[in-house]
C-alpha cells in the first residue's frame, strides 16, 4: 500500500486505492460522481487549510474510540470519506469511503480504514 500526495493540496494524502474505490461507489453515473467529487474537493480544501480546526464544521466528525474522522455528504447518495491526521503537522490521509445505505456499510468502511492505518503504522 502506497501513500500518495494529492495534487493541488499541501496537506492531503491518500492510500493508492482510495480514488478507484471512491469512483466505484457511484457505478456508471458520471454526473453524480462528478458532483460528489466536487463536494469532496471543497471539503478537502477546508481540511487542507484548517487541519484539525476543520472538525468544528458540521460535515466533519470524529469517530468514537478511534483516531479517525469522516467527511459526511448528507443527501441522496450519503457518501462518506474516512480519514486520519497522520503526523504532528496534521497532514490528512484519506483511507476509505462508502455510501451509507445502512449502518453496516459505514462500519465496514471504518474497519477498512482502521486496518489500513494499522498496516501503515507497522510499515513505518
N, C-alpha and C. Protein backbone atom coordinates (compact mmCIF):
# COMPACT_ATOMS: atom_id res chain seq x y z
N UNK A 1 0.85 -1.17 0.00
CA UNK A 1 0.00 0.00 0.00
C UNK A 1 0.90 1.24 0.00
N UNK A 2 0.62 2.11 -0.93
CA UNK A 2 1.41 3.34 -1.04
C UNK A 2 0.59 4.54 -0.60
N UNK A 3 1.29 5.55 -0.09
CA UNK A 3 0.67 6.83 0.24
C UNK A 3 1.09 7.83 -0.83
N UNK A 4 0.10 8.53 -1.38
CA UNK A 4 0.34 9.46 -2.48
C UNK A 4 -0.16 10.83 -2.08
N UNK A 5 0.61 11.87 -2.39
CA UNK A 5 0.19 13.25 -2.12
C UNK A 5 -0.81 13.67 -3.18
N UNK A 6 -1.90 14.28 -2.74
CA UNK A 6 -2.93 14.74 -3.67
C UNK A 6 -2.49 16.04 -4.32
N UNK A 7 -2.46 16.06 -5.64
CA UNK A 7 -2.03 17.24 -6.40
C UNK A 7 -2.92 18.44 -6.04
N UNK A 8 -2.34 19.60 -6.03
CA UNK A 8 -3.02 20.87 -5.75
C UNK A 8 -3.39 21.07 -4.28
N UNK A 9 -2.91 20.19 -3.41
CA UNK A 9 -3.15 20.33 -1.98
C UNK A 9 -1.81 20.27 -1.26
N UNK A 10 -1.73 20.94 -0.11
CA UNK A 10 -0.48 20.95 0.64
C UNK A 10 -0.38 19.84 1.68
N UNK A 11 -1.52 19.44 2.25
CA UNK A 11 -1.50 18.55 3.40
C UNK A 11 -2.40 17.34 3.26
N UNK A 12 -2.80 17.00 2.04
CA UNK A 12 -3.73 15.91 1.81
C UNK A 12 -3.02 14.78 1.06
N UNK A 13 -3.14 13.57 1.62
CA UNK A 13 -2.55 12.37 1.05
C UNK A 13 -3.65 11.31 0.97
N UNK A 14 -3.40 10.26 0.20
CA UNK A 14 -4.37 9.17 0.11
C UNK A 14 -3.68 7.85 -0.12
N UNK A 15 -4.34 6.77 0.32
CA UNK A 15 -3.81 5.45 0.01
C UNK A 15 -4.07 5.19 -1.46
N UNK A 16 -3.22 4.40 -2.08
CA UNK A 16 -3.25 4.25 -3.54
C UNK A 16 -4.56 3.74 -4.11
N UNK A 17 -5.36 3.05 -3.33
CA UNK A 17 -6.63 2.52 -3.83
C UNK A 17 -7.81 3.44 -3.57
N UNK A 18 -7.60 4.55 -2.87
CA UNK A 18 -8.72 5.38 -2.43
C UNK A 18 -9.60 5.87 -3.59
N UNK A 19 -9.02 6.52 -4.58
CA UNK A 19 -9.85 7.15 -5.61
C UNK A 19 -10.53 6.15 -6.53
N UNK A 20 -9.92 5.01 -6.77
CA UNK A 20 -10.62 3.99 -7.57
C UNK A 20 -11.81 3.43 -6.79
N UNK A 21 -11.63 3.23 -5.49
CA UNK A 21 -12.74 2.76 -4.66
C UNK A 21 -13.84 3.81 -4.56
N UNK A 22 -13.44 5.07 -4.43
CA UNK A 22 -14.42 6.16 -4.35
C UNK A 22 -15.23 6.23 -5.64
N UNK A 23 -14.56 6.10 -6.77
CA UNK A 23 -15.26 6.14 -8.07
C UNK A 23 -16.26 4.99 -8.18
N UNK A 24 -15.91 3.81 -7.70
CA UNK A 24 -16.78 2.64 -7.77
C UNK A 24 -18.09 2.83 -7.00
N UNK A 25 -18.09 3.71 -6.01
CA UNK A 25 -19.31 3.95 -5.23
C UNK A 25 -20.47 4.43 -6.09
N UNK A 26 -20.15 5.08 -7.20
CA UNK A 26 -21.18 5.75 -8.00
C UNK A 26 -21.54 4.99 -9.27
N UNK A 27 -21.01 3.79 -9.42
CA UNK A 27 -21.35 2.97 -10.57
C UNK A 27 -21.12 3.68 -11.88
N UNK A 28 -22.08 3.61 -12.77
CA UNK A 28 -21.94 4.20 -14.10
C UNK A 28 -22.32 5.68 -14.15
N UNK A 29 -22.81 6.22 -13.06
CA UNK A 29 -23.29 7.60 -13.06
C UNK A 29 -22.13 8.60 -12.97
N UNK A 30 -21.73 9.10 -14.10
CA UNK A 30 -20.63 10.08 -14.14
C UNK A 30 -21.05 11.41 -13.52
N UNK A 31 -22.30 11.81 -13.73
CA UNK A 31 -22.74 13.11 -13.23
C UNK A 31 -22.81 13.14 -11.70
N UNK A 32 -23.30 12.06 -11.10
CA UNK A 32 -23.36 12.01 -9.63
C UNK A 32 -21.94 11.95 -9.07
N UNK A 33 -21.08 11.14 -9.70
CA UNK A 33 -19.68 11.06 -9.27
C UNK A 33 -19.03 12.45 -9.35
N UNK A 34 -19.22 13.16 -10.45
CA UNK A 34 -18.61 14.48 -10.63
C UNK A 34 -19.11 15.45 -9.56
N UNK A 35 -20.40 15.40 -9.27
CA UNK A 35 -20.98 16.28 -8.25
C UNK A 35 -20.41 15.97 -6.87
N UNK A 36 -20.35 14.70 -6.52
CA UNK A 36 -19.82 14.30 -5.21
C UNK A 36 -18.33 14.57 -5.10
N UNK A 37 -17.60 14.37 -6.18
CA UNK A 37 -16.16 14.65 -6.18
C UNK A 37 -15.92 16.15 -5.98
N UNK A 38 -16.76 16.97 -6.57
CA UNK A 38 -16.64 18.43 -6.40
C UNK A 38 -16.86 18.80 -4.93
N UNK A 39 -17.88 18.20 -4.28
CA UNK A 39 -18.12 18.45 -2.85
C UNK A 39 -16.94 17.96 -2.01
N UNK A 40 -16.42 16.79 -2.37
CA UNK A 40 -15.28 16.25 -1.63
C UNK A 40 -14.09 17.19 -1.73
N UNK A 41 -13.79 17.67 -2.92
CA UNK A 41 -12.65 18.57 -3.10
C UNK A 41 -12.84 19.87 -2.32
N UNK A 42 -14.07 20.37 -2.25
CA UNK A 42 -14.34 21.58 -1.44
C UNK A 42 -14.03 21.30 0.03
N UNK A 43 -14.46 20.15 0.52
CA UNK A 43 -14.19 19.80 1.92
C UNK A 43 -12.71 19.53 2.16
N UNK A 44 -12.04 18.98 1.18
CA UNK A 44 -10.59 18.77 1.31
C UNK A 44 -9.85 20.10 1.36
N UNK A 45 -10.36 21.10 0.65
CA UNK A 45 -9.76 22.46 0.73
C UNK A 45 -9.85 22.99 2.16
N UNK A 46 -11.01 22.77 2.79
CA UNK A 46 -11.19 23.19 4.18
C UNK A 46 -10.19 22.45 5.07
N UNK A 47 -10.10 21.14 4.92
CA UNK A 47 -9.15 20.35 5.71
C UNK A 47 -7.72 20.79 5.47
N UNK A 48 -7.39 21.07 4.23
CA UNK A 48 -6.04 21.47 3.87
C UNK A 48 -5.65 22.77 4.57
N UNK A 49 -6.58 23.69 4.65
CA UNK A 49 -6.31 24.99 5.26
C UNK A 49 -6.46 24.98 6.78
N UNK A 50 -7.51 24.34 7.27
CA UNK A 50 -7.84 24.40 8.68
C UNK A 50 -7.26 23.26 9.52
N UNK A 51 -6.94 22.16 8.87
CA UNK A 51 -6.43 20.96 9.54
C UNK A 51 -7.39 20.54 10.66
N UNK A 52 -6.91 20.31 11.88
CA UNK A 52 -7.75 19.83 12.99
C UNK A 52 -8.92 20.77 13.29
N UNK A 53 -8.75 22.04 13.05
CA UNK A 53 -9.84 23.00 13.31
C UNK A 53 -11.05 22.73 12.43
N UNK A 54 -10.86 22.07 11.31
CA UNK A 54 -11.96 21.78 10.39
C UNK A 54 -13.02 20.89 11.03
N UNK A 55 -12.66 20.15 12.04
CA UNK A 55 -13.58 19.21 12.68
C UNK A 55 -14.76 19.95 13.31
N UNK A 56 -14.65 21.24 13.52
CA UNK A 56 -15.76 22.01 14.08
C UNK A 56 -16.87 22.25 13.05
N UNK A 57 -16.60 22.05 11.78
CA UNK A 57 -17.63 22.21 10.75
C UNK A 57 -18.55 20.99 10.75
N UNK A 58 -19.81 21.22 10.42
CA UNK A 58 -20.81 20.15 10.54
C UNK A 58 -20.58 18.96 9.62
N UNK A 59 -19.88 19.12 8.51
CA UNK A 59 -19.68 17.99 7.59
C UNK A 59 -18.55 17.06 8.02
N UNK A 60 -17.87 17.41 9.11
CA UNK A 60 -16.78 16.57 9.62
C UNK A 60 -17.19 15.99 10.97
N UNK A 61 -16.72 14.78 11.26
CA UNK A 61 -16.97 14.21 12.58
C UNK A 61 -15.82 13.32 13.00
N UNK A 62 -15.53 13.35 14.31
CA UNK A 62 -14.56 12.42 14.88
C UNK A 62 -15.31 11.16 15.24
N UNK A 63 -14.77 10.03 14.87
CA UNK A 63 -15.42 8.76 15.17
C UNK A 63 -15.08 8.33 16.58
N UNK A 64 -16.03 7.75 17.26
CA UNK A 64 -15.86 7.35 18.65
C UNK A 64 -14.74 6.31 18.80
N UNK A 65 -14.00 6.43 19.87
CA UNK A 65 -12.98 5.45 20.25
C UNK A 65 -11.95 5.19 19.15
N UNK A 66 -11.67 6.19 18.35
CA UNK A 66 -10.69 5.99 17.28
C UNK A 66 -10.05 7.33 16.93
N UNK A 67 -8.89 7.27 16.33
CA UNK A 67 -8.23 8.48 15.85
C UNK A 67 -8.51 8.67 14.38
N UNK A 68 -9.73 8.38 13.98
CA UNK A 68 -10.13 8.58 12.60
C UNK A 68 -11.38 9.45 12.56
N UNK A 69 -11.61 10.02 11.40
CA UNK A 69 -12.65 11.01 11.21
C UNK A 69 -13.39 10.70 9.91
N UNK A 70 -14.52 11.38 9.73
CA UNK A 70 -15.21 11.22 8.44
C UNK A 70 -15.68 12.56 7.91
N UNK A 71 -15.81 12.60 6.60
CA UNK A 71 -16.45 13.70 5.90
C UNK A 71 -17.81 13.16 5.48
N UNK A 72 -18.86 13.86 5.89
CA UNK A 72 -20.22 13.43 5.58
C UNK A 72 -20.80 14.30 4.48
N UNK A 73 -21.32 13.67 3.46
CA UNK A 73 -22.06 14.36 2.41
C UNK A 73 -23.49 13.86 2.48
N UNK A 74 -24.25 14.46 3.35
CA UNK A 74 -25.63 14.01 3.55
C UNK A 74 -26.45 14.40 2.34
N UNK A 75 -27.16 13.43 1.81
CA UNK A 75 -28.01 13.66 0.65
C UNK A 75 -28.45 12.33 0.09
N UNK A 76 -28.87 12.35 -1.14
CA UNK A 76 -29.36 11.14 -1.78
C UNK A 76 -28.32 10.04 -1.79
N UNK A 77 -27.06 10.40 -2.05
CA UNK A 77 -26.00 9.40 -2.12
C UNK A 77 -25.36 9.10 -0.77
N UNK A 78 -25.41 10.06 0.14
CA UNK A 78 -24.92 9.88 1.51
C UNK A 78 -23.53 9.24 1.54
N UNK A 79 -22.62 9.76 0.73
CA UNK A 79 -21.27 9.20 0.71
C UNK A 79 -20.46 9.72 1.89
N UNK A 80 -19.56 8.89 2.35
CA UNK A 80 -18.68 9.19 3.47
C UNK A 80 -17.24 8.91 3.07
N UNK A 81 -16.35 9.73 3.58
CA UNK A 81 -14.92 9.53 3.37
C UNK A 81 -14.27 9.45 4.75
N UNK A 82 -13.53 8.38 4.98
CA UNK A 82 -12.87 8.16 6.26
C UNK A 82 -11.40 8.58 6.13
N UNK A 83 -10.93 9.37 7.10
CA UNK A 83 -9.56 9.86 7.04
C UNK A 83 -8.96 9.93 8.43
N UNK A 84 -7.65 10.20 8.46
CA UNK A 84 -6.93 10.36 9.73
C UNK A 84 -5.92 11.49 9.58
N UNK A 85 -5.60 12.11 10.70
CA UNK A 85 -4.47 13.03 10.76
C UNK A 85 -3.26 12.16 11.10
N UNK A 86 -2.22 12.24 10.28
CA UNK A 86 -1.18 11.21 10.35
C UNK A 86 0.14 11.62 11.00
N UNK A 87 0.30 12.88 11.30
CA UNK A 87 1.57 13.27 11.89
C UNK A 87 1.39 14.55 12.71
N UNK A 88 2.51 15.03 13.28
CA UNK A 88 2.44 16.23 14.12
C UNK A 88 2.06 17.48 13.32
N UNK A 89 2.22 17.44 12.00
CA UNK A 89 1.83 18.56 11.14
C UNK A 89 0.36 18.49 10.74
N UNK A 90 -0.34 17.48 11.23
CA UNK A 90 -1.76 17.28 10.92
C UNK A 90 -2.03 17.09 9.44
N UNK A 91 -1.10 16.42 8.75
CA UNK A 91 -1.39 16.03 7.37
C UNK A 91 -2.54 15.03 7.39
N UNK A 92 -3.36 15.07 6.35
CA UNK A 92 -4.56 14.25 6.26
C UNK A 92 -4.31 13.08 5.32
N UNK A 93 -4.74 11.89 5.74
CA UNK A 93 -4.64 10.70 4.90
C UNK A 93 -6.04 10.15 4.67
N UNK A 94 -6.47 10.12 3.40
CA UNK A 94 -7.77 9.56 3.02
C UNK A 94 -7.61 8.05 2.98
N UNK A 95 -8.44 7.34 3.76
CA UNK A 95 -8.26 5.90 3.95
C UNK A 95 -9.29 5.04 3.24
N UNK A 96 -10.55 5.42 3.32
CA UNK A 96 -11.61 4.62 2.69
C UNK A 96 -12.85 5.47 2.49
N UNK A 97 -13.84 4.89 1.83
CA UNK A 97 -15.09 5.61 1.58
C UNK A 97 -16.23 4.61 1.46
N UNK A 98 -17.44 5.12 1.57
CA UNK A 98 -18.61 4.27 1.40
C UNK A 98 -19.83 5.13 1.11
N UNK A 99 -20.86 4.49 0.61
CA UNK A 99 -22.19 5.08 0.57
C UNK A 99 -22.91 4.48 1.75
N UNK A 100 -23.39 5.32 2.61
CA UNK A 100 -24.02 4.82 3.84
C UNK A 100 -25.50 4.52 3.58
N UNK A 101 -25.74 3.34 3.04
CA UNK A 101 -27.12 2.88 2.84
C UNK A 101 -27.64 2.23 4.11
N UNK A 102 -26.71 1.66 4.88
CA UNK A 102 -27.07 1.06 6.17
C UNK A 102 -25.87 1.23 7.11
N UNK A 103 -26.12 1.00 8.39
CA UNK A 103 -25.04 1.14 9.37
C UNK A 103 -23.89 0.18 9.09
N UNK A 104 -24.21 -0.98 8.51
CA UNK A 104 -23.14 -1.95 8.24
C UNK A 104 -22.19 -1.45 7.15
N UNK A 105 -22.71 -0.67 6.20
CA UNK A 105 -21.83 -0.09 5.16
C UNK A 105 -20.78 0.80 5.81
N UNK A 106 -21.23 1.62 6.72
CA UNK A 106 -20.34 2.56 7.41
C UNK A 106 -19.34 1.81 8.29
N UNK A 107 -19.81 0.83 9.04
CA UNK A 107 -18.91 0.04 9.90
C UNK A 107 -17.83 -0.65 9.07
N UNK A 108 -18.20 -1.15 7.89
CA UNK A 108 -17.23 -1.83 7.03
C UNK A 108 -16.15 -0.85 6.58
N UNK A 109 -16.55 0.35 6.18
CA UNK A 109 -15.58 1.36 5.72
C UNK A 109 -14.67 1.79 6.87
N UNK A 110 -15.24 1.93 8.06
CA UNK A 110 -14.44 2.31 9.23
C UNK A 110 -13.45 1.20 9.56
N UNK A 111 -13.89 -0.04 9.53
CA UNK A 111 -12.99 -1.17 9.80
C UNK A 111 -11.86 -1.23 8.78
N UNK A 112 -12.20 -1.00 7.52
CA UNK A 112 -11.19 -0.99 6.47
C UNK A 112 -10.18 0.13 6.72
N UNK A 113 -10.65 1.31 7.09
CA UNK A 113 -9.76 2.44 7.37
C UNK A 113 -8.85 2.13 8.56
N UNK A 114 -9.41 1.56 9.62
CA UNK A 114 -8.61 1.22 10.79
C UNK A 114 -7.53 0.19 10.44
N UNK A 115 -7.88 -0.79 9.63
CA UNK A 115 -6.91 -1.81 9.23
C UNK A 115 -5.80 -1.20 8.37
N UNK A 116 -6.17 -0.33 7.45
CA UNK A 116 -5.15 0.31 6.61
C UNK A 116 -4.22 1.17 7.46
N UNK A 117 -4.79 1.89 8.40
CA UNK A 117 -3.97 2.73 9.26
C UNK A 117 -3.03 1.87 10.11
N UNK A 118 -3.52 0.75 10.62
CA UNK A 118 -2.69 -0.17 11.41
C UNK A 118 -1.53 -0.69 10.57
N UNK A 119 -1.81 -1.11 9.34
CA UNK A 119 -0.76 -1.63 8.45
C UNK A 119 0.28 -0.55 8.16
N UNK A 120 -0.17 0.65 7.88
CA UNK A 120 0.77 1.74 7.58
C UNK A 120 1.65 2.06 8.78
N UNK A 121 1.09 2.01 9.98
CA UNK A 121 1.89 2.28 11.18
C UNK A 121 2.93 1.20 11.38
N UNK A 122 2.58 -0.05 11.08
CA UNK A 122 3.52 -1.16 11.20
C UNK A 122 4.67 -1.03 10.19
N UNK A 123 4.37 -0.52 9.00
CA UNK A 123 5.38 -0.38 7.96
C UNK A 123 6.38 0.73 8.26
N UNK A 124 5.98 1.70 9.08
CA UNK A 124 6.86 2.84 9.37
C UNK A 124 7.83 2.55 10.43
